Amino acid sequence: MSQDKKNAVARHEIFCTLEDVIVASNILLKDRGKLYMVHRANRIADVFCTMRKHKIEPKLIKMVQPNEKKAPNLILIEGQKNGGVFLNWENTLYIYNDKGEYTKEIKEIYGLI
């Protein structure tokens, strides 16, 4: 954990936990409303379990990998309050190609092409 309090608060669940975010989302979302979140890939089970516990159904997931040789480090998730049970997977988003440059998809996202 970072010694810098601002970084520690931003990167760790010190003042706001995953469950806090999901509970607040459930309160704020209308029925069938959508929640979008970016989280660490190694927390995927926690995210899914917490979402379902609070009636937000995971609907769409996209893994984010630094490159094709490294494991996913982020997940992009769409959840829906009181949504039916099904989950779709999108193709993995790779940040860098084998030359260490941004992939075409990342360049499109950033408006570079």
N, C-alpha and C. Protein backbone atom coordinates (compact mmCIF):
# COMPACT_ATOMS: atom_id res chain seq x y z
N MET A 1 0.85 -1.18 0.00
CA MET A 1 0.00 0.00 0.00
C MET A 1 0.89 1.24 0.00
N SER A 2 0.49 2.21 -0.78
CA SER A 2 1.25 3.45 -0.90
C SER A 2 1.30 4.21 0.42
N GLN A 3 2.44 4.82 0.68
CA GLN A 3 2.59 5.66 1.87
C GLN A 3 1.88 7.01 1.68
N ASP A 4 1.70 7.40 0.42
CA ASP A 4 0.98 8.63 0.10
C ASP A 4 -0.52 8.37 0.32
N LYS A 5 -1.11 9.10 1.27
CA LYS A 5 -2.50 8.86 1.65
C LYS A 5 -3.47 8.99 0.47
N LYS A 6 -3.24 9.98 -0.40
CA LYS A 6 -4.13 10.18 -1.55
C LYS A 6 -4.09 8.95 -2.48
N ASN A 7 -2.90 8.45 -2.75
CA ASN A 7 -2.79 7.27 -3.61
C ASN A 7 -3.38 6.04 -2.94
N ALA A 8 -3.16 5.89 -1.66
CA ALA A 8 -3.70 4.74 -0.93
C ALA A 8 -5.22 4.75 -0.96
N VAL A 9 -5.82 5.91 -0.75
CA VAL A 9 -7.29 6.03 -0.76
C VAL A 9 -7.83 5.74 -2.17
N ALA A 10 -7.12 6.22 -3.19
CA ALA A 10 -7.58 6.02 -4.57
C ALA A 10 -7.46 4.57 -5.01
N ARG A 11 -6.48 3.87 -4.51
CA ARG A 11 -6.18 2.52 -5.02
C ARG A 11 -6.67 1.38 -4.15
N HIS A 12 -7.08 1.66 -2.94
CA HIS A 12 -7.49 0.61 -2.02
C HIS A 12 -8.85 0.96 -1.41
N GLU A 13 -9.54 -0.02 -0.92
CA GLU A 13 -10.88 0.18 -0.38
C GLU A 13 -10.78 0.65 1.07
N ILE A 14 -10.37 1.89 1.24
CA ILE A 14 -10.17 2.45 2.58
C ILE A 14 -11.45 3.11 3.08
N PHE A 15 -11.99 4.01 2.28
CA PHE A 15 -13.21 4.73 2.69
C PHE A 15 -14.46 4.25 1.97
N CYS A 16 -14.27 3.48 0.91
CA CYS A 16 -15.40 3.03 0.09
C CYS A 16 -15.05 1.64 -0.44
N THR A 17 -15.83 0.65 -0.05
CA THR A 17 -15.57 -0.72 -0.49
C THR A 17 -16.34 -1.03 -1.77
N LEU A 18 -16.00 -2.15 -2.37
CA LEU A 18 -16.75 -2.62 -3.53
C LEU A 18 -18.22 -2.76 -3.18
N GLU A 19 -18.49 -3.32 -2.03
CA GLU A 19 -19.88 -3.48 -1.61
C GLU A 19 -20.58 -2.13 -1.45
N ASP A 20 -19.89 -1.12 -0.93
CA ASP A 20 -20.48 0.22 -0.82
C ASP A 20 -20.92 0.75 -2.18
N VAL A 21 -20.07 0.55 -3.19
CA VAL A 21 -20.38 1.03 -4.55
C VAL A 21 -21.59 0.29 -5.11
N ILE A 22 -21.63 -1.02 -4.92
CA ILE A 22 -22.73 -1.82 -5.46
C ILE A 22 -24.04 -1.50 -4.74
N VAL A 23 -24.00 -1.35 -3.42
CA VAL A 23 -25.21 -1.00 -2.66
C VAL A 23 -25.74 0.36 -3.11
N ALA A 24 -24.85 1.35 -3.25
CA ALA A 24 -25.27 2.68 -3.70
C ALA A 24 -25.84 2.62 -5.11
N SER A 25 -25.23 1.80 -5.96
CA SER A 25 -25.73 1.65 -7.33
C SER A 25 -27.14 1.07 -7.33
N ASN A 26 -27.36 0.09 -6.49
CA ASN A 26 -28.69 -0.51 -6.41
C ASN A 26 -29.73 0.52 -5.97
N ILE A 27 -29.37 1.37 -5.05
CA ILE A 27 -30.29 2.41 -4.58
C ILE A 27 -30.57 3.43 -5.68
N LEU A 28 -29.53 3.83 -6.40
CA LEU A 28 -29.65 4.91 -7.38
C LEU A 28 -30.22 4.47 -8.74
N LEU A 29 -29.98 3.22 -9.12
CA LEU A 29 -30.43 2.76 -10.43
C LEU A 29 -31.94 2.50 -10.45
N LYS A 30 -32.57 2.86 -11.56
CA LYS A 30 -33.95 2.47 -11.79
C LYS A 30 -33.95 0.99 -12.17
N ASP A 31 -35.12 0.37 -12.12
CA ASP A 31 -35.24 -1.01 -12.54
C ASP A 31 -34.75 -1.15 -13.98
N ARG A 32 -33.88 -2.11 -14.22
CA ARG A 32 -33.24 -2.38 -15.51
C ARG A 32 -32.17 -1.34 -15.87
N GLY A 33 -31.87 -0.42 -14.93
CA GLY A 33 -30.80 0.55 -15.15
C GLY A 33 -29.44 -0.13 -15.18
N LYS A 34 -28.46 0.51 -15.79
CA LYS A 34 -27.16 -0.11 -16.00
C LYS A 34 -26.06 0.53 -15.17
N LEU A 35 -25.16 -0.33 -14.74
CA LEU A 35 -23.97 0.07 -14.00
C LEU A 35 -22.77 -0.37 -14.83
N TYR A 36 -21.82 0.54 -15.03
CA TYR A 36 -20.59 0.22 -15.73
C TYR A 36 -19.44 0.38 -14.75
N MET A 37 -18.54 -0.58 -14.76
CA MET A 37 -17.44 -0.49 -13.82
C MET A 37 -16.17 -1.07 -14.42
N VAL A 38 -15.04 -0.52 -13.97
CA VAL A 38 -13.72 -1.02 -14.30
C VAL A 38 -13.12 -1.51 -12.99
N HIS A 39 -12.62 -2.73 -13.00
CA HIS A 39 -12.04 -3.26 -11.77
C HIS A 39 -10.86 -4.15 -12.09
N ARG A 40 -10.13 -4.52 -11.08
CA ARG A 40 -8.99 -5.42 -11.26
C ARG A 40 -9.49 -6.81 -11.62
N ALA A 41 -8.82 -7.45 -12.57
CA ALA A 41 -9.24 -8.76 -13.04
C ALA A 41 -9.22 -9.81 -11.94
N ASN A 42 -8.28 -9.68 -11.00
CA ASN A 42 -8.20 -10.68 -9.94
C ASN A 42 -9.33 -10.57 -8.91
N ARG A 43 -10.21 -9.59 -9.08
CA ARG A 43 -11.37 -9.44 -8.19
C ARG A 43 -12.67 -9.82 -8.88
N ILE A 44 -12.61 -10.50 -10.00
CA ILE A 44 -13.80 -10.80 -10.79
C ILE A 44 -14.85 -11.57 -9.99
N ALA A 45 -14.43 -12.55 -9.21
CA ALA A 45 -15.40 -13.32 -8.41
C ALA A 45 -16.07 -12.43 -7.36
N ASP A 46 -15.30 -11.55 -6.72
CA ASP A 46 -15.87 -10.63 -5.73
C ASP A 46 -16.89 -9.70 -6.37
N VAL A 47 -16.54 -9.18 -7.56
CA VAL A 47 -17.44 -8.26 -8.26
C VAL A 47 -18.75 -8.97 -8.61
N PHE A 48 -18.65 -10.14 -9.22
CA PHE A 48 -19.86 -10.86 -9.62
C PHE A 48 -20.72 -11.24 -8.42
N CYS A 49 -20.11 -11.78 -7.39
CA CYS A 49 -20.89 -12.19 -6.20
C CYS A 49 -21.57 -11.00 -5.54
N THR A 50 -20.85 -9.89 -5.42
CA THR A 50 -21.42 -8.70 -4.78
C THR A 50 -22.54 -8.11 -5.62
N MET A 51 -22.35 -8.08 -6.94
CA MET A 51 -23.41 -7.57 -7.82
C MET A 51 -24.68 -8.41 -7.67
N ARG A 52 -24.54 -9.73 -7.74
CA ARG A 52 -25.72 -10.59 -7.64
C ARG A 52 -26.38 -10.50 -6.27
N LYS A 53 -25.57 -10.38 -5.23
CA LYS A 53 -26.10 -10.25 -3.87
C LYS A 53 -27.04 -9.05 -3.77
N HIS A 54 -26.75 -8.01 -4.54
CA HIS A 54 -27.53 -6.77 -4.48
C HIS A 54 -28.38 -6.55 -5.73
N LYS A 55 -28.74 -7.66 -6.40
CA LYS A 55 -29.71 -7.65 -7.50
C LYS A 55 -29.24 -6.87 -8.74
N ILE A 56 -27.94 -6.80 -8.93
CA ILE A 56 -27.39 -6.22 -10.17
C ILE A 56 -26.74 -7.38 -10.92
N GLU A 57 -27.32 -7.73 -12.04
CA GLU A 57 -26.87 -8.90 -12.79
C GLU A 57 -25.75 -8.53 -13.77
N PRO A 58 -24.61 -9.21 -13.69
CA PRO A 58 -23.55 -8.98 -14.69
C PRO A 58 -24.07 -9.36 -16.08
N LYS A 59 -23.93 -8.48 -17.04
CA LYS A 59 -24.46 -8.70 -18.38
C LYS A 59 -23.38 -8.80 -19.45
N LEU A 60 -22.32 -8.03 -19.31
CA LEU A 60 -21.29 -7.96 -20.34
C LEU A 60 -19.95 -7.78 -19.67
N ILE A 61 -18.96 -8.52 -20.16
CA ILE A 61 -17.62 -8.40 -19.61
C ILE A 61 -16.60 -8.36 -20.73
N LYS A 62 -15.58 -7.56 -20.52
CA LYS A 62 -14.47 -7.46 -21.47
C LYS A 62 -13.19 -7.46 -20.65
N MET A 63 -12.31 -8.40 -20.97
CA MET A 63 -11.02 -8.47 -20.30
C MET A 63 -10.07 -7.48 -20.96
N VAL A 64 -9.19 -6.88 -20.18
CA VAL A 64 -8.18 -5.95 -20.69
C VAL A 64 -6.81 -6.51 -20.33
N GLN A 65 -5.98 -6.69 -21.37
CA GLN A 65 -4.64 -7.21 -21.17
C GLN A 65 -3.62 -6.20 -21.68
N PRO A 66 -2.49 -6.07 -20.98
CA PRO A 66 -1.45 -5.16 -21.48
C PRO A 66 -0.99 -5.55 -22.88
N ASN A 67 -0.83 -6.85 -23.13
CA ASN A 67 -0.50 -7.37 -24.46
C ASN A 67 -0.92 -8.84 -24.51
N GLU A 68 -0.71 -9.48 -25.63
CA GLU A 68 -1.16 -10.87 -25.80
C GLU A 68 -0.43 -11.86 -24.91
N LYS A 69 0.75 -11.50 -24.42
CA LYS A 69 1.56 -12.42 -23.62
C LYS A 69 1.32 -12.29 -22.12
N LYS A 70 0.64 -11.24 -21.70
CA LYS A 70 0.40 -11.03 -20.28
C LYS A 70 -1.05 -11.33 -19.93
N ALA A 71 -1.27 -11.72 -18.70
CA ALA A 71 -2.62 -12.02 -18.21
C ALA A 71 -3.45 -10.74 -18.11
N PRO A 72 -4.77 -10.88 -18.14
CA PRO A 72 -5.63 -9.70 -17.96
C PRO A 72 -5.36 -9.03 -16.61
N ASN A 73 -5.34 -7.71 -16.62
CA ASN A 73 -5.17 -6.97 -15.36
C ASN A 73 -6.39 -6.13 -15.02
N LEU A 74 -7.28 -5.94 -15.98
CA LEU A 74 -8.51 -5.18 -15.73
C LEU A 74 -9.69 -5.91 -16.36
N ILE A 75 -10.88 -5.63 -15.82
CA ILE A 75 -12.12 -6.09 -16.42
C ILE A 75 -13.05 -4.90 -16.57
N LEU A 76 -13.75 -4.87 -17.68
CA LEU A 76 -14.81 -3.88 -17.91
C LEU A 76 -16.12 -4.64 -17.78
N ILE A 77 -17.00 -4.17 -16.93
CA ILE A 77 -18.23 -4.90 -16.64
C ILE A 77 -19.44 -3.99 -16.80
N GLU A 78 -20.48 -4.54 -17.42
CA GLU A 78 -21.79 -3.89 -17.46
C GLU A 78 -22.73 -4.75 -16.63
N GLY A 79 -23.40 -4.13 -15.68
CA GLY A 79 -24.40 -4.82 -14.88
C GLY A 79 -25.75 -4.15 -15.05
N GLN A 80 -26.82 -4.90 -14.80
CA GLN A 80 -28.16 -4.35 -14.94
C GLN A 80 -28.99 -4.70 -13.71
N LYS A 81 -29.59 -3.68 -13.11
CA LYS A 81 -30.43 -3.90 -11.94
C LYS A 81 -31.65 -4.73 -12.33
N ASN A 82 -31.86 -5.82 -11.60
CA ASN A 82 -32.97 -6.74 -11.84
C ASN A 82 -32.99 -7.28 -13.27
N GLY A 83 -31.82 -7.43 -13.86
CA GLY A 83 -31.71 -7.99 -15.22
C GLY A 83 -31.81 -9.50 -15.19
N GLY A 84 -32.22 -10.08 -16.28
CA GLY A 84 -32.28 -11.53 -16.39
C GLY A 84 -30.89 -12.15 -16.34
N VAL A 85 -30.86 -13.45 -16.14
CA VAL A 85 -29.59 -14.15 -15.98
C VAL A 85 -29.01 -14.52 -17.34
N PHE A 86 -27.97 -13.85 -17.75
CA PHE A 86 -27.13 -14.22 -18.89
C PHE A 86 -25.91 -13.31 -18.86
N LEU A 87 -24.82 -13.79 -19.41
CA LEU A 87 -23.58 -13.02 -19.44
C LEU A 87 -22.94 -13.18 -20.81
N ASN A 88 -22.63 -12.07 -21.44
CA ASN A 88 -21.93 -12.09 -22.72
C ASN A 88 -20.49 -11.62 -22.53
N TRP A 89 -19.59 -12.22 -23.29
CA TRP A 89 -18.17 -11.85 -23.27
C TRP A 89 -17.83 -11.14 -24.56
N GLU A 90 -17.17 -10.01 -24.44
CA GLU A 90 -16.64 -9.33 -25.62
C GLU A 90 -15.20 -9.79 -25.83
N ASN A 91 -14.68 -9.53 -27.02
CA ASN A 91 -13.29 -9.86 -27.29
C ASN A 91 -12.38 -9.09 -26.35
N THR A 92 -11.26 -9.69 -26.01
CA THR A 92 -10.28 -9.07 -25.13
C THR A 92 -9.74 -7.79 -25.76
N LEU A 93 -9.54 -6.78 -24.93
CA LEU A 93 -8.93 -5.53 -25.36
C LEU A 93 -7.45 -5.59 -25.01
N TYR A 94 -6.60 -5.55 -26.02
CA TYR A 94 -5.15 -5.51 -25.82
C TYR A 94 -4.69 -4.07 -25.93
N ILE A 95 -3.87 -3.64 -24.99
CA ILE A 95 -3.40 -2.25 -24.98
C ILE A 95 -2.25 -2.06 -25.97
N TYR A 96 -1.26 -2.95 -25.92
CA TYR A 96 -0.07 -2.83 -26.76
C TYR A 96 0.09 -4.03 -27.68
N ASN A 97 0.64 -3.79 -28.87
CA ASN A 97 0.95 -4.89 -29.78
C ASN A 97 2.35 -5.43 -29.46
N ASP A 98 2.84 -6.37 -30.27
CA ASP A 98 4.14 -6.99 -30.00
C ASP A 98 5.32 -6.03 -30.19
N LYS A 99 5.08 -4.87 -30.80
CA LYS A 99 6.13 -3.85 -30.96
C LYS A 99 6.12 -2.84 -29.82
N GLY A 100 5.20 -3.00 -28.87
CA GLY A 100 5.10 -2.06 -27.75
C GLY A 100 4.33 -0.80 -28.07
N GLU A 101 3.63 -0.80 -29.20
CA GLU A 101 2.82 0.36 -29.61
C GLU A 101 1.36 0.09 -29.28
N TYR A 102 0.58 1.17 -29.17
CA TYR A 102 -0.86 0.99 -28.95
C TYR A 102 -1.46 0.16 -30.08
N THR A 103 -2.43 -0.70 -29.73
CA THR A 103 -3.15 -1.46 -30.75
C THR A 103 -4.11 -0.53 -31.50
N LYS A 104 -4.61 -1.00 -32.61
CA LYS A 104 -5.56 -0.21 -33.41
C LYS A 104 -6.79 0.15 -32.58
N GLU A 105 -7.29 -0.81 -31.80
CA GLU A 105 -8.50 -0.55 -30.99
C GLU A 105 -8.25 0.56 -29.96
N ILE A 106 -7.10 0.54 -29.34
CA ILE A 106 -6.77 1.59 -28.36
C ILE A 106 -6.64 2.94 -29.07
N LYS A 107 -6.00 2.96 -30.22
CA LYS A 107 -5.87 4.21 -30.98
C LYS A 107 -7.25 4.75 -31.35
N GLU A 108 -8.18 3.86 -31.72
CA GLU A 108 -9.54 4.29 -32.04
C GLU A 108 -10.24 4.85 -30.80
N ILE A 109 -10.07 4.19 -29.67
CA ILE A 109 -10.68 4.66 -28.43
C ILE A 109 -10.17 6.04 -28.06
N TYR A 110 -8.86 6.27 -28.23
CA TYR A 110 -8.24 7.56 -27.88
C TYR A 110 -8.39 8.59 -28.99
N GLY A 111 -9.01 8.21 -30.11
CA GLY A 111 -9.20 9.15 -31.20
C GLY A 111 -7.91 9.48 -31.95
N LEU A 112 -6.97 8.54 -31.96
CA LEU A 112 -5.69 8.77 -32.63
C LEU A 112 -5.72 8.39 -34.11
N ILE A 113 -6.77 7.67 -34.52
CA ILE A 113 -6.93 7.34 -35.94
C ILE A 113 -8.37 7.54 -36.35
